C-alpha atoms as a PDB file:
ATOM      1  CA  MET A   1      -6.558 -18.768   3.850  1.00  0.00           C
ATOM      2  CA  SER A   2      -7.525 -17.096   7.067  1.00  0.00           C
ATOM      3  CA  LYS A   3      -4.146 -16.690   8.723  1.00  0.00           C
ATOM      4  CA  VAL A   4      -1.767 -13.831   8.120  1.00  0.00           C
ATOM      5  CA  GLU A   5       1.195 -16.191   7.775  1.00  0.00           C
ATOM      6  CA  ASP A   6      -0.642 -18.266   5.148  1.00  0.00           C
ATOM      7  CA  PHE A   7      -1.701 -15.309   3.009  1.00  0.00           C
ATOM      8  CA  LEU A   8       1.600 -14.933   1.158  1.00  0.00           C
ATOM      9  CA  SER A   9       4.682 -17.113   0.868  1.00  0.00           C
ATOM     10  CA  LYS A  10       8.077 -15.695   1.864  1.00  0.00           C
ATOM     11  CA  GLU A  11       8.924 -15.408  -1.835  1.00  0.00           C
ATOM     12  CA  GLU A  12       5.705 -13.517  -2.549  1.00  0.00           C
ATOM     13  CA  GLU A  13       6.412 -11.180   0.354  1.00  0.00           C
ATOM     14  CA  GLN A  14       9.864 -10.485  -1.072  1.00  0.00           C
ATOM     15  CA  ASP A  15       8.327  -9.785  -4.491  1.00  0.00           C
ATOM     16  CA  ILE A  16       6.014  -7.238  -2.843  1.00  0.00           C
ATOM     17  CA  VAL A  17       8.897  -5.583  -0.986  1.00  0.00           C
ATOM     18  CA  GLU A  18      10.750  -5.405  -4.310  1.00  0.00           C
ATOM     19  CA  ALA A  19       7.683  -3.826  -5.955  1.00  0.00           C
ATOM     20  CA  ILE A  20       7.694  -1.186  -3.213  1.00  0.00           C
ATOM     21  CA  ARG A  21      11.382  -0.526  -3.832  1.00  0.00           C
ATOM     22  CA  VAL A  22      10.789  -0.209  -7.584  1.00  0.00           C
ATOM     23  CA  ALA A  23       7.735   2.008  -7.099  1.00  0.00           C
ATOM     24  CA  GLU A  24       9.634   4.317  -4.732  1.00  0.00           C
ATOM     25  CA  LYS A  25      12.801   4.438  -6.848  1.00  0.00           C
ATOM     26  CA  ASN A  26      11.787   7.552  -8.787  1.00  0.00           C
ATOM     27  CA  THR A  27       9.618   9.268  -6.207  1.00  0.00           C
ATOM     28  CA  SER A  28       9.865  10.863  -2.807  1.00  0.00           C
ATOM     29  CA  GLY A  29       6.610   9.078  -1.921  1.00  0.00           C
ATOM     30  CA  GLU A  30       6.369   6.243   0.580  1.00  0.00           C
ATOM     31  CA  ILE A  31       4.379   3.010   0.239  1.00  0.00           C
ATOM     32  CA  ARG A  32       3.653   0.462   2.964  1.00  0.00           C
ATOM     33  CA  VAL A  33       1.722  -2.809   3.107  1.00  0.00           C
ATOM     34  CA  HIS A  34       0.090  -4.000   6.332  1.00  0.00           C
ATOM     35  CA  ILE A  35      -1.521  -7.405   6.766  1.00  0.00           C
ATOM     36  CA  GLU A  36      -3.536  -8.608   9.719  1.00  0.00           C
ATOM     37  CA  GLN A  37      -5.987 -11.410  10.310  1.00  0.00           C
ATOM     38  CA  THR A  38      -9.205  -9.535  11.005  1.00  0.00           C
ATOM     39  CA  THR A  39     -10.707  -6.257  12.098  1.00  0.00           C
ATOM     40  CA  SER A  40     -13.926  -5.382  13.862  1.00  0.00           C
ATOM     41  CA  LYS A  41     -13.848  -1.953  12.240  1.00  0.00           C
ATOM     42  CA  VAL A  42     -14.694  -0.624   8.820  1.00  0.00           C
ATOM     43  CA  PRO A  43     -11.553  -1.537   6.815  1.00  0.00           C
ATOM     44  CA  PHE A  44     -10.778   2.046   5.825  1.00  0.00           C
ATOM     45  CA  ASP A  45     -11.114   3.205   9.446  1.00  0.00           C
ATOM     46  CA  ARG A  46      -8.745   0.469  10.576  1.00  0.00           C
ATOM     47  CA  ALA A  47      -6.363   1.344   7.727  1.00  0.00           C
ATOM     48  CA  LEU A  48      -6.271   4.926   8.982  1.00  0.00           C
ATOM     49  CA  GLU A  49      -5.388   3.716  12.485  1.00  0.00           C
ATOM     50  CA  VAL A  50      -2.558   1.604  11.071  1.00  0.00           C
ATOM     51  CA  PHE A  51      -1.482   4.552   8.899  1.00  0.00           C
ATOM     52  CA  TYR A  52      -0.953   6.641  12.029  1.00  0.00           C
ATOM     53  CA  ASP A  53       0.521   3.734  14.037  1.00  0.00           C
ATOM     54  CA  LEU A  54       3.156   3.300  11.315  1.00  0.00           C
ATOM     55  CA  LYS A  55       3.825   7.070  11.426  1.00  0.00           C
ATOM     56  CA  MET A  56       2.982   7.372   7.751  1.00  0.00           C
ATOM     57  CA  ASP A  57       1.492  10.795   8.433  1.00  0.00           C
ATOM     58  CA  GLU A  58       4.971  12.075   9.293  1.00  0.00           C
ATOM     59  CA  THR A  59       6.446  12.018   5.791  1.00  0.00           C
ATOM     60  CA  GLN A  60       7.838  15.369   4.741  1.00  0.00           C
ATOM     61  CA  LEU A  61       5.532  15.847   1.727  1.00  0.00           C
ATOM     62  CA  GLN A  62       2.493  14.002   3.131  1.00  0.00           C
ATOM     63  CA  ASN A  63       2.796  11.472   0.329  1.00  0.00           C
ATOM     64  CA  GLY A  64       2.519   8.109   2.060  1.00  0.00           C
ATOM     65  CA  VAL A  65       0.223   5.342   0.774  1.00  0.00           C
ATOM     66  CA  LEU A  66      -0.896   2.348   2.831  1.00  0.00           C
ATOM     67  CA  PHE A  67      -2.306  -0.888   1.444  1.00  0.00           C
ATOM     68  CA  TYR A  68      -4.179  -2.533   4.322  1.00  0.00           C
ATOM     69  CA  PHE A  69      -5.428  -6.159   4.300  1.00  0.00           C
ATOM     70  CA  ALA A  70      -7.581  -8.104   6.770  1.00  0.00           C
ATOM     71  CA  VAL A  71      -7.156 -11.600   5.343  1.00  0.00           C
ATOM     72  CA  ALA A  72      -9.804 -13.549   7.298  1.00  0.00           C
ATOM     73  CA  ASP A  73     -12.354 -10.859   6.439  1.00  0.00           C
ATOM     74  CA  LYS A  74     -11.276 -10.894   2.768  1.00  0.00           C
ATOM     75  CA  THR A  75     -11.209  -7.133   2.734  1.00  0.00           C
ATOM     76  CA  PHE A  76      -8.716  -4.374   2.121  1.00  0.00           C
ATOM     77  CA  ALA A  77      -8.379  -0.618   1.919  1.00  0.00           C
ATOM     78  CA  ILE A  78      -5.964   1.872   0.446  1.00  0.00           C
ATOM     79  CA  CYS A  79      -5.338   5.173   2.133  1.00  0.00           C
ATOM     80  CA  GLY A  80      -3.131   7.989   1.013  1.00  0.00           C
ATOM     81  CA  ASP A  81      -1.955  11.008   2.950  1.00  0.00           C
ATOM     82  CA  LYS A  82      -3.133  14.547   2.208  1.00  0.00           C
ATOM     83  CA  GLY A  83      -0.351  15.311  -0.275  1.00  0.00           C
ATOM     84  CA  ILE A  84      -1.154  12.451  -2.625  1.00  0.00           C
ATOM     85  CA  ASN A  85      -4.924  12.667  -2.122  1.00  0.00           C
ATOM     86  CA  ASP A  86      -4.836  16.329  -3.152  1.00  0.00           C
ATOM     87  CA  VAL A  87      -3.333  15.533  -6.563  1.00  0.00           C
ATOM     88  CA  VAL A  88      -4.804  12.223  -7.739  1.00  0.00           C
ATOM     89  CA  THR A  89      -8.160  12.061  -9.500  1.00  0.00           C
ATOM     90  CA  SER A  90     -11.161  11.438  -7.276  1.00  0.00           C
ATOM     91  CA  ASP A  91     -11.576   7.893  -8.619  1.00  0.00           C
ATOM     92  CA  PHE A  92      -7.890   6.927  -8.521  1.00  0.00           C
ATOM     93  CA  TRP A  93      -8.007   4.772  -5.390  1.00  0.00           C
ATOM     94  CA  ASP A  94     -11.238   3.055  -6.476  1.00  0.00           C
ATOM     95  CA  SER A  95      -9.808   2.253  -9.902  1.00  0.00           C
ATOM     96  CA  THR A  96      -6.626   0.955  -8.252  1.00  0.00           C
ATOM     97  CA  LYS A  97      -8.720  -1.284  -5.988  1.00  0.00           C
ATOM     98  CA  GLU A  98     -10.649  -2.580  -9.027  1.00  0.00           C
ATOM     99  CA  LYS A  99      -7.386  -3.620 -10.737  1.00  0.00           C
ATOM    100  CA  MET A 100      -6.347  -5.413  -7.576  1.00  0.00           C
ATOM    101  CA  VAL A 101      -9.707  -7.142  -7.095  1.00  0.00           C
ATOM    102  CA  ALA A 102      -9.541  -8.478 -10.661  1.00  0.00           C
ATOM    103  CA  GLN A 103      -6.319 -10.298  -9.706  1.00  0.00           C
ATOM    104  CA  PHE A 104      -7.658 -11.369  -6.293  1.00  0.00           C
ATOM    105  CA  LYS A 105     -10.710 -13.011  -7.886  1.00  0.00           C
ATOM    106  CA  SER A 106      -8.319 -15.248  -9.824  1.00  0.00           C
ATOM    107  CA  GLY A 107      -6.415 -16.092  -6.641  1.00  0.00           C
ATOM    108  CA  ASN A 108      -3.464 -13.916  -7.651  1.00  0.00           C
ATOM    109  CA  PHE A 109      -3.079 -12.081  -4.356  1.00  0.00           C
ATOM    110  CA  LYS A 110       0.581 -11.219  -4.767  1.00  0.00           C
ATOM    111  CA  GLN A 111       0.088  -9.906  -8.296  1.00  0.00           C
ATOM    112  CA  GLY A 112      -2.907  -7.832  -7.229  1.00  0.00           C
ATOM    113  CA  ILE A 113      -0.879  -6.206  -4.463  1.00  0.00           C
ATOM    114  CA  VAL A 114       2.078  -5.631  -6.804  1.00  0.00           C
ATOM    115  CA  ASP A 115      -0.242  -4.062  -9.415  1.00  0.00           C
ATOM    116  CA  GLY A 116      -1.691  -1.718  -6.796  1.00  0.00           C
ATOM    117  CA  ILE A 117       1.749  -0.722  -5.527  1.00  0.00           C
ATOM    118  CA  LEU A 118       3.065  -0.021  -9.029  1.00  0.00           C
ATOM    119  CA  SER A 119      -0.044   1.999  -9.894  1.00  0.00           C
ATOM    120  CA  ALA A 120       0.387   4.107  -6.754  1.00  0.00           C
ATOM    121  CA  GLY A 121       4.085   4.436  -7.544  1.00  0.00           C
ATOM    122  CA  GLU A 122       3.332   5.860 -10.997  1.00  0.00           C
ATOM    123  CA  GLN A 123       1.116   8.555  -9.490  1.00  0.00           C
ATOM    124  CA  LEU A 124       3.666   9.312  -6.788  1.00  0.00           C
ATOM    125  CA  GLN A 125       6.426   9.591  -9.394  1.00  0.00           C
ATOM    126  CA  LYS A 126       4.318  11.929 -11.522  1.00  0.00           C
ATOM    127  CA  ASN A 127       3.368  14.190  -8.620  1.00  0.00           C
ATOM    128  CA  PHE A 128       6.282  13.708  -6.218  1.00  0.00           C
ATOM    129  CA  PRO A 129       9.410  13.003  -8.268  1.00  0.00           C
ATOM    130  CA  TRP A 130      12.586  11.876  -6.562  1.00  0.00           C
ATOM    131  CA  PHE A 131      14.860  14.754  -5.654  1.00  0.00           C
ATOM    132  CA  GLU A 132      18.522  15.026  -4.694  1.00  0.00           C
ATOM    133  CA  GLY A 133      18.932  14.212  -1.034  1.00  0.00           C
ATOM    134  CA  ASP A 134      15.635  12.340  -0.736  1.00  0.00           C
ATOM    135  CA  THR A 135      15.752   9.547   1.815  1.00  0.00           C
ATOM    136  CA  ASN A 136      13.558   6.510   2.270  1.00  0.00           C
ATOM    137  CA  GLU A 137      11.508   7.747   5.236  1.00  0.00           C
ATOM    138  CA  LEU A 138       9.651   4.495   5.958  1.00  0.00           C
ATOM    139  CA  SER A 139      10.504   0.801   5.877  1.00  0.00           C
ATOM    140  CA  ASN A 140       9.585  -1.141   2.752  1.00  0.00           C
ATOM    141  CA  GLU A 141       8.993  -4.305   4.777  1.00  0.00           C
ATOM    142  CA  ILE A 142       5.467  -5.662   5.148  1.00  0.00           C
ATOM    143  CA  SER A 143       4.089  -4.987   8.606  1.00  0.00           C
ATOM    144  CA  LYS A 144       1.792  -7.488  10.261  1.00  0.00           C
ATOM    145  CA  GLY A 145      -0.715  -7.144  13.039  1.00  0.00           C
END
């Protein structure tokens, strides 16, 4: 499974987009998923580049979260903007990754991603609840590189 297009089926991609929609329903936070084949960089460093490329740093409350995957490298990273990083516990992203890895080890890639998204969504809802007039600032679609 070393190609981006083979990583998830169309149905699995739609399930992930739906998980993003559900996770964002009660929060002003923004969640994105980016999948690419490989990176020559440290995954978190590449995730930060993608974070800025996708303009995730431009959300009003600095509460964007990116789930980044390099499928051929079998690696991923999660990065949150300043607003969310300031309020979650110091081990939140690591514990989220551990939940995801548990699913990945069983070959449940879609479920691992969905679990991570929903976990991030719970924290976003708790710290950045939806408010009247809130708009979806970023696309829920999976981006690919």
